[in-house]
N, C-alpha and C. Protein backbone atom coordinates (compact mmCIF):
# COMPACT_ATOMS: atom_id res chain seq x y z
N MET A 1 80.07 71.75 118.48
CA MET A 1 80.73 73.00 118.46
C MET A 1 82.03 72.76 117.96
N ALA A 2 82.69 73.64 117.17
CA ALA A 2 84.12 73.51 116.59
C ALA A 2 85.00 73.91 117.67
N THR A 3 86.19 73.25 117.66
CA THR A 3 87.15 73.49 118.60
C THR A 3 88.52 73.77 118.11
N PHE A 4 88.52 74.89 117.34
CA PHE A 4 89.94 75.34 116.67
C PHE A 4 90.73 75.78 117.74
N ARG A 5 92.06 75.42 117.71
CA ARG A 5 93.08 75.91 118.58
C ARG A 5 93.94 76.98 117.97
N CYS A 6 93.60 77.30 116.83
CA CYS A 6 94.43 78.27 116.06
C CYS A 6 93.57 79.02 115.06
N VAL A 7 93.75 80.38 115.10
CA VAL A 7 92.93 81.19 114.08
C VAL A 7 93.88 82.21 113.41
N LEU A 8 93.88 82.12 112.07
CA LEU A 8 94.68 83.04 111.21
C LEU A 8 93.62 83.98 110.71
N PHE A 9 94.02 85.27 110.72
CA PHE A 9 93.18 86.37 110.18
C PHE A 9 93.87 87.09 108.89
N ASP A 10 93.06 87.36 108.03
CA ASP A 10 93.61 88.41 107.00
C ASP A 10 93.55 89.74 107.70
N LEU A 11 94.15 90.70 107.18
CA LEU A 11 94.32 91.93 107.74
C LEU A 11 93.22 93.09 107.28
N ASP A 12 93.56 93.67 106.06
CA ASP A 12 92.66 94.63 105.53
C ASP A 12 91.48 93.95 105.08
N GLY A 13 90.27 94.51 105.54
CA GLY A 13 89.01 94.07 105.22
C GLY A 13 88.39 92.99 106.16
N THR A 14 89.34 92.63 107.18
CA THR A 14 88.88 91.57 107.99
C THR A 14 89.04 92.01 109.46
N LEU A 15 90.14 92.54 109.83
CA LEU A 15 90.40 92.96 111.14
C LEU A 15 90.33 94.64 111.03
N LEU A 16 91.00 95.07 110.08
CA LEU A 16 91.21 96.52 109.94
C LEU A 16 90.20 97.03 108.68
N ASP A 17 89.57 98.19 108.86
CA ASP A 17 88.85 98.82 107.81
C ASP A 17 89.69 99.67 107.23
N THR A 18 90.39 99.44 106.19
CA THR A 18 91.16 100.23 105.39
C THR A 18 90.58 100.56 104.01
N ASN A 19 89.29 100.40 103.79
CA ASN A 19 88.56 100.53 102.53
C ASN A 19 88.88 101.96 101.84
N GLU A 20 88.55 102.90 102.91
CA GLU A 20 88.68 104.32 102.38
C GLU A 20 90.19 104.71 102.04
N LEU A 21 91.08 104.18 102.89
CA LEU A 21 92.38 104.33 102.73
C LEU A 21 92.98 103.83 101.19
N ILE A 22 92.53 102.72 100.95
CA ILE A 22 92.92 102.02 99.79
C ILE A 22 92.34 102.69 98.58
N ILE A 23 91.11 103.07 98.63
CA ILE A 23 90.50 103.78 97.54
C ILE A 23 91.06 105.03 97.27
N GLU A 24 91.22 105.95 98.30
CA GLU A 24 91.90 107.16 98.05
C GLU A 24 93.29 106.99 97.67
N SER A 25 94.02 106.06 98.02
CA SER A 25 95.38 105.90 97.52
C SER A 25 95.45 105.47 96.11
N PHE A 26 94.37 104.70 95.60
CA PHE A 26 94.34 104.38 94.18
C PHE A 26 93.89 105.70 93.46
N HIS A 27 92.96 106.33 93.94
CA HIS A 27 92.49 107.63 93.16
C HIS A 27 93.54 108.58 92.94
N HIS A 28 94.41 108.80 94.03
CA HIS A 28 95.45 109.71 93.96
C HIS A 28 96.55 109.33 92.92
N THR A 29 96.81 107.93 92.96
CA THR A 29 97.80 107.40 92.08
C THR A 29 97.49 107.44 90.66
N PHE A 30 96.13 107.10 90.34
CA PHE A 30 95.66 107.03 89.04
C PHE A 30 95.46 108.48 88.42
N ARG A 31 94.95 109.37 89.32
CA ARG A 31 94.90 110.72 88.71
C ARG A 31 96.31 111.31 88.30
N ARG A 32 97.18 111.04 89.10
CA ARG A 32 98.62 111.43 88.84
C ARG A 32 99.25 110.91 87.72
N HIS A 33 99.19 109.57 87.39
CA HIS A 33 99.84 108.91 86.43
C HIS A 33 99.06 108.48 85.17
N LEU A 34 97.69 108.37 85.35
CA LEU A 34 96.92 107.98 84.23
C LEU A 34 95.90 109.17 83.81
N GLY A 35 95.81 110.15 84.66
CA GLY A 35 94.94 111.24 84.38
C GLY A 35 93.50 111.00 84.46
N ARG A 36 93.24 109.95 85.28
CA ARG A 36 91.76 109.52 85.32
C ARG A 36 91.60 108.77 86.72
N GLU A 37 90.34 108.62 87.08
CA GLU A 37 90.05 107.60 88.18
C GLU A 37 89.42 106.37 87.63
N VAL A 38 89.72 105.30 88.34
CA VAL A 38 89.04 104.01 88.01
C VAL A 38 87.85 103.81 88.96
N PRO A 39 86.65 103.44 88.50
CA PRO A 39 85.59 103.28 89.27
C PRO A 39 85.81 102.41 90.45
N VAL A 40 85.18 102.72 91.67
CA VAL A 40 85.39 101.98 92.87
C VAL A 40 85.05 100.58 92.75
N SER A 41 83.95 100.31 91.97
CA SER A 41 83.42 98.99 91.82
C SER A 41 84.51 98.02 91.06
N GLN A 42 85.29 98.68 90.12
CA GLN A 42 86.37 97.94 89.47
C GLN A 42 87.55 97.71 90.36
N LEU A 43 87.78 98.74 91.31
CA LEU A 43 88.98 98.64 92.23
C LEU A 43 88.71 97.48 93.22
N TYR A 44 87.52 97.24 93.61
CA TYR A 44 87.19 96.32 94.64
C TYR A 44 87.56 94.99 94.07
N LEU A 45 87.58 94.73 92.86
CA LEU A 45 87.94 93.46 92.24
C LEU A 45 89.47 93.12 92.57
N HIS A 46 90.18 94.12 92.97
CA HIS A 46 91.61 93.94 93.20
C HIS A 46 92.00 93.84 94.54
N PHE A 47 90.91 94.01 95.46
CA PHE A 47 91.26 94.04 96.87
C PHE A 47 91.81 92.56 97.23
N GLY A 48 92.84 92.52 98.00
CA GLY A 48 93.27 91.33 98.49
C GLY A 48 94.50 90.68 97.67
N GLU A 49 94.76 91.25 96.46
CA GLU A 49 95.79 90.73 95.70
C GLU A 49 97.08 91.59 95.94
N PRO A 50 98.18 91.08 95.67
CA PRO A 50 99.52 91.82 95.68
C PRO A 50 99.44 93.15 94.89
N LEU A 51 99.78 94.20 95.58
CA LEU A 51 99.49 95.59 94.99
C LEU A 51 100.38 95.80 93.72
N TRP A 52 101.58 95.10 93.55
CA TRP A 52 102.28 95.24 92.34
C TRP A 52 101.43 94.59 91.21
N LEU A 53 100.76 93.61 91.38
CA LEU A 53 99.83 92.90 90.38
C LEU A 53 98.89 93.88 89.91
N THR A 54 98.21 94.55 90.74
CA THR A 54 97.07 95.60 90.43
C THR A 54 97.70 96.70 89.51
N MET A 55 98.87 97.29 89.91
CA MET A 55 99.55 98.31 89.24
C MET A 55 100.02 97.83 87.83
N LYS A 56 100.42 96.73 87.75
CA LYS A 56 100.83 96.04 86.48
C LYS A 56 99.68 96.01 85.56
N HIS A 57 98.55 95.70 86.01
CA HIS A 57 97.34 95.61 85.23
C HIS A 57 97.02 96.93 84.59
N TYR A 58 97.15 97.98 85.18
CA TYR A 58 96.67 99.19 84.81
C TYR A 58 97.95 100.10 84.09
N ALA A 59 99.11 99.81 84.43
CA ALA A 59 100.17 100.39 83.72
C ALA A 59 101.38 99.46 83.66
N PRO A 60 101.30 98.60 82.59
CA PRO A 60 102.31 97.57 82.38
C PRO A 60 103.77 98.24 82.17
N GLU A 61 103.77 99.29 81.65
CA GLU A 61 105.14 99.89 81.31
C GLU A 61 105.89 100.67 82.62
N ASN A 62 105.02 101.36 83.35
CA ASN A 62 105.55 102.11 84.43
C ASN A 62 104.91 101.80 85.73
N TRP A 63 104.58 100.66 85.96
CA TRP A 63 103.80 100.19 87.13
C TRP A 63 104.62 100.49 88.41
N GLU A 64 106.02 100.37 88.38
CA GLU A 64 106.83 100.72 89.54
C GLU A 64 106.55 102.07 90.01
N GLU A 65 106.44 103.10 89.16
CA GLU A 65 106.16 104.41 89.44
C GLU A 65 104.81 104.57 90.24
N LEU A 66 103.80 103.92 89.73
CA LEU A 66 102.54 103.91 90.20
C LEU A 66 102.66 103.41 91.80
N LEU A 67 103.32 102.35 91.82
CA LEU A 67 103.56 101.56 93.12
C LEU A 67 104.14 102.50 94.13
N SER A 68 105.17 103.25 93.80
CA SER A 68 105.76 104.28 94.66
C SER A 68 104.82 105.30 94.99
N THR A 69 104.06 106.02 94.15
CA THR A 69 103.11 106.96 94.48
C THR A 69 102.06 106.47 95.42
N TYR A 70 101.64 105.23 95.21
CA TYR A 70 100.63 104.73 96.03
C TYR A 70 100.98 104.63 97.48
N ARG A 71 102.15 104.04 97.50
CA ARG A 71 102.73 103.73 98.89
C ARG A 71 103.06 104.96 99.71
N GLU A 72 103.43 105.96 98.87
CA GLU A 72 103.72 107.21 99.55
C GLU A 72 102.54 107.99 100.07
N PHE A 73 101.45 107.88 99.33
CA PHE A 73 100.17 108.44 99.87
C PHE A 73 99.62 107.60 100.95
N ASN A 74 99.62 106.28 100.84
CA ASN A 74 99.09 105.45 101.82
C ASN A 74 99.72 105.43 103.09
N ILE A 75 100.96 105.62 103.19
CA ILE A 75 101.74 105.90 104.43
C ILE A 75 101.36 107.11 105.07
N ALA A 76 101.28 108.23 104.21
CA ALA A 76 100.95 109.52 104.84
C ALA A 76 99.58 109.58 105.51
N TYR A 77 98.63 108.90 105.01
CA TYR A 77 97.26 109.02 105.32
C TYR A 77 96.73 107.73 106.25
N HIS A 78 97.79 106.81 106.29
CA HIS A 78 97.43 105.48 106.99
C HIS A 78 96.59 105.66 108.44
N ASP A 79 97.36 106.34 109.22
CA ASP A 79 96.62 106.37 110.64
C ASP A 79 95.27 107.16 110.61
N GLU A 80 95.18 108.20 109.72
CA GLU A 80 93.96 108.99 109.71
C GLU A 80 92.81 108.13 109.10
N LEU A 81 93.08 107.29 108.14
CA LEU A 81 92.08 106.65 107.36
C LEU A 81 91.94 105.13 107.63
N THR A 82 92.60 104.70 108.85
CA THR A 82 92.53 103.22 109.22
C THR A 82 91.62 103.25 110.51
N ARG A 83 90.73 102.20 110.46
CA ARG A 83 89.97 101.96 111.78
C ARG A 83 89.81 100.40 111.98
N PRO A 84 89.54 100.04 113.20
CA PRO A 84 89.25 98.57 113.29
C PRO A 84 87.82 98.24 113.10
N PHE A 85 87.47 97.11 112.64
CA PHE A 85 86.09 96.70 112.43
C PHE A 85 85.56 96.48 113.90
N PRO A 86 84.29 96.47 114.01
CA PRO A 86 83.64 96.28 115.37
C PRO A 86 84.05 94.84 116.00
N HIS A 87 84.29 94.96 117.25
CA HIS A 87 84.68 93.78 118.22
C HIS A 87 85.99 93.15 117.81
N ALA A 88 86.80 93.81 116.91
CA ALA A 88 88.11 93.15 116.47
C ALA A 88 88.93 93.02 117.74
N GLY A 89 89.11 94.07 118.51
CA GLY A 89 90.09 94.06 119.69
C GLY A 89 89.55 93.04 120.73
N ILE A 90 88.39 93.16 121.12
CA ILE A 90 87.94 92.22 122.19
C ILE A 90 87.94 90.74 121.86
N THR A 91 87.72 90.50 120.59
CA THR A 91 87.76 88.98 119.97
C THR A 91 89.17 88.62 120.11
N LEU A 92 90.18 89.42 119.72
CA LEU A 92 91.50 88.94 119.73
C LEU A 92 92.09 88.75 121.21
N GLU A 93 91.51 89.62 122.13
CA GLU A 93 91.97 89.46 123.39
C GLU A 93 91.35 88.27 124.13
N ARG A 94 90.05 88.09 123.88
CA ARG A 94 89.46 86.85 124.48
C ARG A 94 89.95 85.50 123.94
N LEU A 95 90.36 85.37 122.62
CA LEU A 95 90.92 84.28 122.09
C LEU A 95 92.29 84.09 122.70
N ALA A 96 93.15 85.13 122.74
CA ALA A 96 94.50 84.94 123.29
C ALA A 96 94.43 84.47 124.79
N SER A 97 93.55 85.18 125.43
CA SER A 97 93.36 84.80 126.95
C SER A 97 93.00 83.37 127.08
N ALA A 98 92.34 82.74 126.10
CA ALA A 98 91.89 81.39 126.21
C ALA A 98 92.96 80.48 125.71
N GLY A 99 94.08 80.87 125.22
CA GLY A 99 95.20 80.12 124.84
C GLY A 99 95.02 79.61 123.40
N ILE A 100 94.15 80.35 122.63
CA ILE A 100 94.07 80.03 121.16
C ILE A 100 95.39 80.75 120.44
N ASP A 101 96.06 80.07 119.58
CA ASP A 101 97.17 80.69 118.90
C ASP A 101 96.64 81.51 117.76
N LEU A 102 97.04 82.74 117.72
CA LEU A 102 96.60 83.77 116.73
C LEU A 102 97.66 84.18 115.78
N GLY A 103 97.24 84.36 114.49
CA GLY A 103 98.22 85.00 113.52
C GLY A 103 97.56 85.77 112.49
N VAL A 104 98.37 86.45 111.84
CA VAL A 104 97.70 87.28 110.64
C VAL A 104 98.53 86.82 109.32
N VAL A 105 97.64 86.64 108.38
CA VAL A 105 98.23 86.28 107.03
C VAL A 105 97.82 87.36 106.03
N THR A 106 98.72 88.11 105.58
CA THR A 106 98.33 89.30 104.63
C THR A 106 99.30 89.35 103.54
N SER A 107 98.96 90.17 102.52
CA SER A 107 99.68 90.39 101.22
C SER A 107 100.34 91.85 101.41
N LYS A 108 100.13 92.42 102.57
CA LYS A 108 100.74 93.76 102.77
C LYS A 108 102.25 93.64 102.99
N LEU A 109 102.93 94.80 102.82
CA LEU A 109 104.29 94.71 103.17
C LEU A 109 104.44 94.64 104.75
N ASN A 110 105.57 94.16 105.24
CA ASN A 110 105.85 93.99 106.64
C ASN A 110 105.59 95.31 107.39
N ALA A 111 106.16 96.33 106.91
CA ALA A 111 106.10 97.59 107.72
C ALA A 111 104.75 98.06 107.80
N THR A 112 103.93 98.12 106.77
CA THR A 112 102.53 98.65 106.94
C THR A 112 101.65 97.66 107.60
N ALA A 113 101.83 96.47 107.54
CA ALA A 113 100.99 95.50 108.27
C ALA A 113 101.17 95.76 109.74
N TRP A 114 102.48 95.74 110.31
CA TRP A 114 102.75 96.01 111.68
C TRP A 114 102.34 97.37 112.12
N ARG A 115 102.41 98.33 111.28
CA ARG A 115 101.97 99.63 111.63
C ARG A 115 100.53 99.73 112.08
N GLY A 116 99.63 98.96 111.13
CA GLY A 116 98.18 98.96 111.43
C GLY A 116 97.95 98.07 112.67
N LEU A 117 98.69 97.12 112.86
CA LEU A 117 98.40 96.17 114.11
C LEU A 117 98.73 96.91 115.29
N ARG A 118 99.89 97.65 115.27
CA ARG A 118 100.36 98.34 116.53
C ARG A 118 99.35 99.62 116.75
N LEU A 119 98.86 100.16 115.75
CA LEU A 119 98.01 101.42 115.91
C LEU A 119 96.79 101.04 116.92
N PHE A 120 96.33 99.78 116.87
CA PHE A 120 95.15 99.50 117.79
C PHE A 120 95.56 98.45 118.83
N GLY A 121 96.91 98.25 118.94
CA GLY A 121 97.37 97.15 119.91
C GLY A 121 96.94 95.74 119.74
N PHE A 122 96.68 95.48 118.42
CA PHE A 122 96.41 94.10 118.05
C PHE A 122 97.77 93.17 118.00
N ASP A 123 98.84 93.79 117.92
CA ASP A 123 100.01 92.94 117.82
C ASP A 123 100.32 92.22 119.12
N GLN A 124 99.82 92.68 120.21
CA GLN A 124 100.15 91.92 121.52
C GLN A 124 99.55 90.71 121.57
N TYR A 125 98.49 90.36 120.80
CA TYR A 125 97.78 89.15 120.79
C TYR A 125 98.30 88.08 119.78
N LEU A 126 99.10 88.46 118.93
CA LEU A 126 99.49 87.69 117.86
C LEU A 126 100.83 86.92 118.02
N LYS A 127 100.86 85.54 117.67
CA LYS A 127 102.17 84.85 117.71
C LYS A 127 102.89 84.81 116.40
N THR A 128 102.31 85.11 115.28
CA THR A 128 102.93 85.20 114.04
C THR A 128 102.25 86.16 113.02
N VAL A 129 102.97 86.84 112.22
CA VAL A 129 102.36 87.67 111.20
C VAL A 129 103.27 87.38 109.86
N ILE A 130 102.54 86.76 108.94
CA ILE A 130 103.06 86.53 107.64
C ILE A 130 102.70 87.52 106.73
N THR A 131 103.62 88.28 106.21
CA THR A 131 103.48 89.39 105.21
C THR A 131 104.09 89.09 103.84
N PHE A 132 103.91 90.05 102.90
CA PHE A 132 104.28 89.81 101.49
C PHE A 132 105.78 89.33 101.38
N GLU A 133 106.73 89.88 102.27
CA GLU A 133 108.09 89.56 102.16
C GLU A 133 108.38 88.13 102.77
N ASP A 134 107.54 87.49 103.29
CA ASP A 134 107.92 86.39 104.05
C ASP A 134 107.67 85.07 103.16
N THR A 135 107.13 85.17 102.00
CA THR A 135 106.86 83.99 101.04
C THR A 135 107.16 84.33 99.71
N GLU A 136 107.52 83.38 98.86
CA GLU A 136 107.77 83.58 97.39
C GLU A 136 106.46 83.61 96.63
N LYS A 137 105.50 82.72 97.21
CA LYS A 137 104.18 82.69 96.61
C LYS A 137 103.19 83.36 97.47
N HIS A 138 102.10 83.97 97.05
CA HIS A 138 101.19 84.66 97.82
C HIS A 138 99.79 84.05 97.65
N LYS A 139 98.82 84.38 98.57
CA LYS A 139 97.52 84.03 98.44
C LYS A 139 97.04 84.32 96.87
N PRO A 140 96.30 83.51 96.30
CA PRO A 140 95.53 82.22 96.74
C PRO A 140 96.35 80.91 96.95
N GLU A 141 97.76 81.06 96.77
CA GLU A 141 98.45 79.87 96.97
C GLU A 141 98.50 79.60 98.45
N PRO A 142 98.71 78.30 98.84
CA PRO A 142 98.62 77.94 100.33
C PRO A 142 99.85 78.26 101.09
N GLU A 143 100.96 78.69 100.43
CA GLU A 143 102.31 78.85 101.04
C GLU A 143 102.09 79.88 102.49
N PRO A 144 101.57 81.02 102.18
CA PRO A 144 101.42 81.91 103.41
C PRO A 144 100.68 81.24 104.69
N VAL A 145 99.56 80.61 104.30
CA VAL A 145 98.81 79.96 105.42
C VAL A 145 99.69 78.78 105.97
N LEU A 146 100.36 78.05 105.15
CA LEU A 146 101.16 76.88 105.72
C LEU A 146 102.31 77.48 106.48
N LYS A 147 102.93 78.61 106.04
CA LYS A 147 104.03 79.14 106.85
C LYS A 147 103.65 79.61 108.16
N ALA A 148 102.47 80.20 108.35
CA ALA A 148 101.92 80.62 109.52
C ALA A 148 101.74 79.33 110.50
N LEU A 149 101.16 78.34 110.04
CA LEU A 149 100.92 77.07 110.76
C LEU A 149 102.24 76.55 111.26
N ALA A 150 103.22 76.58 110.46
CA ALA A 150 104.62 76.08 110.88
C ALA A 150 105.15 76.86 111.87
N ALA A 151 104.94 78.24 111.80
CA ALA A 151 105.49 79.08 112.87
C ALA A 151 104.85 78.82 114.17
N LEU A 152 103.50 78.43 114.16
CA LEU A 152 102.62 78.16 115.43
C LEU A 152 102.90 76.66 115.79
N GLY A 153 103.49 75.95 114.95
CA GLY A 153 103.54 74.47 115.31
C GLY A 153 102.16 73.77 115.33
N ARG A 154 101.32 74.31 114.37
CA ARG A 154 100.01 73.70 114.36
C ARG A 154 99.76 72.88 113.12
N HIS A 155 98.90 71.98 113.19
CA HIS A 155 98.40 71.18 112.01
C HIS A 155 97.29 71.92 111.36
N PRO A 156 97.07 71.80 110.04
CA PRO A 156 95.89 72.50 109.43
C PRO A 156 94.49 72.13 110.03
N SER A 157 94.40 70.83 110.49
CA SER A 157 93.13 70.52 111.23
C SER A 157 92.84 71.27 112.42
N ASP A 158 93.90 71.96 113.02
CA ASP A 158 93.78 72.75 114.27
C ASP A 158 93.11 74.16 114.05
N ALA A 159 93.31 74.63 112.61
CA ALA A 159 93.13 76.05 112.33
C ALA A 159 91.89 76.39 111.64
N LEU A 160 91.61 77.68 111.82
CA LEU A 160 90.64 78.43 111.07
C LEU A 160 91.15 79.69 110.41
N MET A 161 90.88 79.86 109.20
CA MET A 161 91.32 81.13 108.42
C MET A 161 90.11 81.98 108.31
N VAL A 162 90.34 83.15 108.73
CA VAL A 162 89.21 84.15 108.54
C VAL A 162 89.59 85.28 107.57
N GLY A 163 88.69 85.55 106.54
CA GLY A 163 89.08 86.45 105.37
C GLY A 163 87.93 87.04 104.79
N ASP A 164 88.18 88.05 104.04
CA ASP A 164 87.10 88.79 103.29
C ASP A 164 87.25 88.74 101.79
N SER A 165 88.18 87.91 101.32
CA SER A 165 88.29 87.76 99.80
C SER A 165 88.40 86.21 99.41
N GLN A 166 88.08 86.17 98.04
CA GLN A 166 88.35 84.85 97.44
C GLN A 166 89.74 84.34 97.56
N LEU A 167 90.71 85.21 97.65
CA LEU A 167 91.99 84.69 97.76
C LEU A 167 92.30 84.11 99.14
N ASP A 168 91.65 84.74 100.13
CA ASP A 168 91.77 84.11 101.49
C ASP A 168 91.30 82.76 101.59
N LEU A 169 90.09 82.54 101.04
CA LEU A 169 89.31 81.37 101.17
C LEU A 169 90.03 80.26 100.38
N ARG A 170 90.51 80.58 99.11
CA ARG A 170 91.27 79.61 98.25
C ARG A 170 92.53 79.18 99.04
N SER A 171 93.22 80.13 99.50
CA SER A 171 94.49 79.86 100.19
C SER A 171 94.29 78.87 101.29
N ALA A 172 93.22 79.10 102.07
CA ALA A 172 92.92 78.22 103.23
C ALA A 172 92.60 76.91 102.80
N LYS A 173 91.70 76.71 101.82
CA LYS A 173 91.26 75.48 101.16
C LYS A 173 92.42 74.55 100.64
N LEU A 174 93.40 75.38 99.92
CA LEU A 174 94.53 74.66 99.43
C LEU A 174 95.48 74.16 100.46
N ALA A 175 95.40 74.86 101.66
CA ALA A 175 96.22 74.49 102.82
C ALA A 175 95.55 73.42 103.59
N GLY A 176 94.34 73.10 103.38
CA GLY A 176 93.73 72.12 104.19
C GLY A 176 93.21 72.74 105.49
N VAL A 177 92.85 73.95 105.32
CA VAL A 177 92.37 74.73 106.57
C VAL A 177 90.93 75.10 106.48
N LYS A 178 90.14 75.12 107.48
CA LYS A 178 88.70 75.43 107.48
C LYS A 178 88.82 76.92 107.26
N SER A 179 87.75 77.55 106.62
CA SER A 179 87.65 78.97 106.31
C SER A 179 86.27 79.63 106.76
N ALA A 180 86.40 80.93 107.11
CA ALA A 180 85.20 81.64 107.42
C ALA A 180 85.24 82.96 106.80
N ALA A 181 84.27 83.36 106.06
CA ALA A 181 84.12 84.44 105.13
C ALA A 181 83.32 85.56 105.99
N VAL A 182 83.74 86.85 105.91
CA VAL A 182 83.21 87.78 106.74
C VAL A 182 82.03 88.47 105.91
N GLY A 183 80.95 88.90 106.65
CA GLY A 183 79.79 89.49 105.96
C GLY A 183 79.93 90.98 105.66
N TRP A 184 81.17 91.62 106.06
CA TRP A 184 81.38 93.00 105.82
C TRP A 184 82.39 93.26 104.75
N SER A 185 82.65 92.14 103.94
CA SER A 185 83.53 92.27 102.83
C SER A 185 82.95 93.18 101.67
N VAL A 186 83.87 93.83 100.92
CA VAL A 186 83.45 94.72 99.78
C VAL A 186 83.02 93.74 98.62
N HIS A 187 83.44 92.47 98.73
CA HIS A 187 83.20 91.56 97.55
C HIS A 187 81.68 91.00 97.81
N ALA A 188 81.01 90.81 96.75
CA ALA A 188 79.66 90.37 96.85
C ALA A 188 79.41 88.98 97.60
N ARG A 189 78.51 88.74 98.31
CA ARG A 189 78.30 87.44 98.88
C ARG A 189 78.33 86.25 97.90
N GLU A 190 77.75 86.51 96.75
CA GLU A 190 77.69 85.37 95.79
C GLU A 190 79.02 85.07 95.24
N VAL A 191 80.00 86.10 95.16
CA VAL A 191 81.25 85.84 94.78
C VAL A 191 82.01 84.96 95.61
N LEU A 192 81.90 85.24 97.05
CA LEU A 192 82.57 84.48 98.12
C LEU A 192 81.92 83.16 98.26
N GLU A 193 80.62 82.95 97.97
CA GLU A 193 80.03 81.67 98.11
C GLU A 193 80.50 80.64 97.09
N ARG A 194 81.14 81.15 95.98
CA ARG A 194 81.60 80.29 94.97
C ARG A 194 82.94 79.55 95.55
N GLU A 195 83.48 80.13 96.60
CA GLU A 195 84.75 79.44 97.14
C GLU A 195 84.26 78.39 98.28
N ASN A 196 82.89 78.40 98.54
CA ASN A 196 82.52 77.37 99.56
C ASN A 196 83.09 77.50 100.95
N PRO A 197 83.20 78.75 101.52
CA PRO A 197 83.64 78.70 102.88
C PRO A 197 82.83 77.88 103.78
N ASP A 198 83.51 77.41 104.84
CA ASP A 198 82.98 76.65 105.91
C ASP A 198 81.99 77.30 106.73
N PHE A 199 82.28 78.65 107.05
CA PHE A 199 81.44 79.42 107.89
C PHE A 199 81.26 80.79 107.51
N TRP A 200 80.21 81.46 107.89
CA TRP A 200 79.90 82.78 107.60
C TRP A 200 79.91 83.61 108.80
N LEU A 201 80.53 84.69 108.88
CA LEU A 201 80.53 85.58 110.02
C LEU A 201 79.78 86.95 109.79
N GLU A 202 78.84 87.32 110.55
CA GLU A 202 78.39 88.61 110.62
C GLU A 202 78.95 89.54 111.66
N ASP A 203 79.67 88.91 112.57
CA ASP A 203 80.19 89.56 113.77
C ASP A 203 81.54 88.84 114.17
N LEU A 204 82.59 89.49 114.36
CA LEU A 204 83.78 88.86 114.67
C LEU A 204 83.84 88.10 115.97
N ARG A 205 82.86 88.34 116.78
CA ARG A 205 82.79 87.49 118.07
C ARG A 205 82.24 86.17 117.78
N GLN A 206 81.74 85.94 116.60
CA GLN A 206 81.36 84.40 116.30
C GLN A 206 82.57 83.56 116.31
N VAL A 207 83.71 84.07 116.06
CA VAL A 207 85.03 83.36 116.16
C VAL A 207 85.21 82.66 117.45
N LEU A 208 84.75 83.44 118.53
CA LEU A 208 84.73 82.92 119.80
C LEU A 208 83.96 81.67 119.99
N ASP A 209 82.76 81.70 119.41
CA ASP A 209 81.88 80.60 119.41
C ASP A 209 82.45 79.44 118.75
N LEU A 210 83.09 79.63 117.54
CA LEU A 210 83.75 78.58 116.77
C LEU A 210 85.00 77.84 117.57
N CYS A 211 85.47 78.72 118.54
CA CYS A 211 86.65 78.20 119.25
C CYS A 211 86.26 77.61 120.70
N GLY A 212 85.00 77.72 120.93
CA GLY A 212 84.58 77.28 122.30
C GLY A 212 84.96 78.16 123.33
N VAL A 213 85.11 79.43 123.08
CA VAL A 213 85.51 80.43 124.08
C VAL A 213 84.23 81.34 124.45
N LEU A 214 83.94 81.34 125.71
CA LEU A 214 82.74 82.17 126.08
C LEU A 214 83.02 83.63 125.82
N ARG A 215 81.89 84.32 125.38
CA ARG A 215 81.82 85.73 125.33
C ARG A 215 81.72 86.47 126.63
N GLU A 216 82.19 87.66 126.69
CA GLU A 216 82.00 88.43 128.02
C GLU A 216 80.47 88.56 128.11
N ARG A 217 79.95 88.61 129.29
CA ARG A 217 78.63 88.86 129.63
C ARG A 217 78.17 90.34 129.13
N GLU A 218 77.12 90.46 128.36
CA GLU A 218 76.63 91.75 127.88
C GLU A 218 75.74 92.43 129.01
N GLY A 219 75.89 93.66 129.04
CA GLY A 219 75.05 94.43 130.07
C GLY A 219 75.52 94.24 131.40
C-alpha cells in the first residue's frame, strides 16, 4: 500500500466541476468577439492551460479583450455553475484529519481559485494553494508543483499529484512526483494514458486508500 504523506490536487476538473461554467464562458466570449461558437470538443483541448494562452490562440490581435469578457462572465456565473465532484469534501476532510498535508496547484487566478474553494469549504483543509500568479512558469512545467512541495516542506517522494489533464500529469512527472489521473476528466482516457500516470481514480475516495487512510464505514 502506498503511504503518501502529501497530496496535491488540481482544481477545475478534479475537485470542482466547472465544465459548464468554462464552456458557457467561452461561448459567451466567442459569440461577442468572434461572432461564432467554437465546438465543445475543440474547447476541451484547452482545458487546463492558462487562459491567456487559449485566447491568444483564437484572437492573436485582441486576446486581452476576450480575456476580460471571459472573466467578467465567469465571475458573474461562478457560484451558479460550479459544483464539487462526488466525495471531494469527505476525501479532503479524512485526509486532513489523518495528518496528510494537502495543497492545490492550479492555473487559475488566485481570486477565482479561492472563491471556488471557499464556496464548498475546501479551503479549511488546505495548507497551500499555488495559483497562476505564484509562479513564472506554469503546468506542464514542474515549478508550480515544486513550489507547493517547498511550502509544505515535503520531498517529491512524499507526494501524490491528482489531476484531470495532460498538463497535471506532466508537471508531476517533471517534479519527480507520482501522479493519479481521474476517470471523470473531459480528456479521453487514451490521451491521458500517453502521460503514463502512476494511478487511475474512478472515485476520489481512492486517494484515501493510496495514503493508507481508512474510509468511513458505509451504511
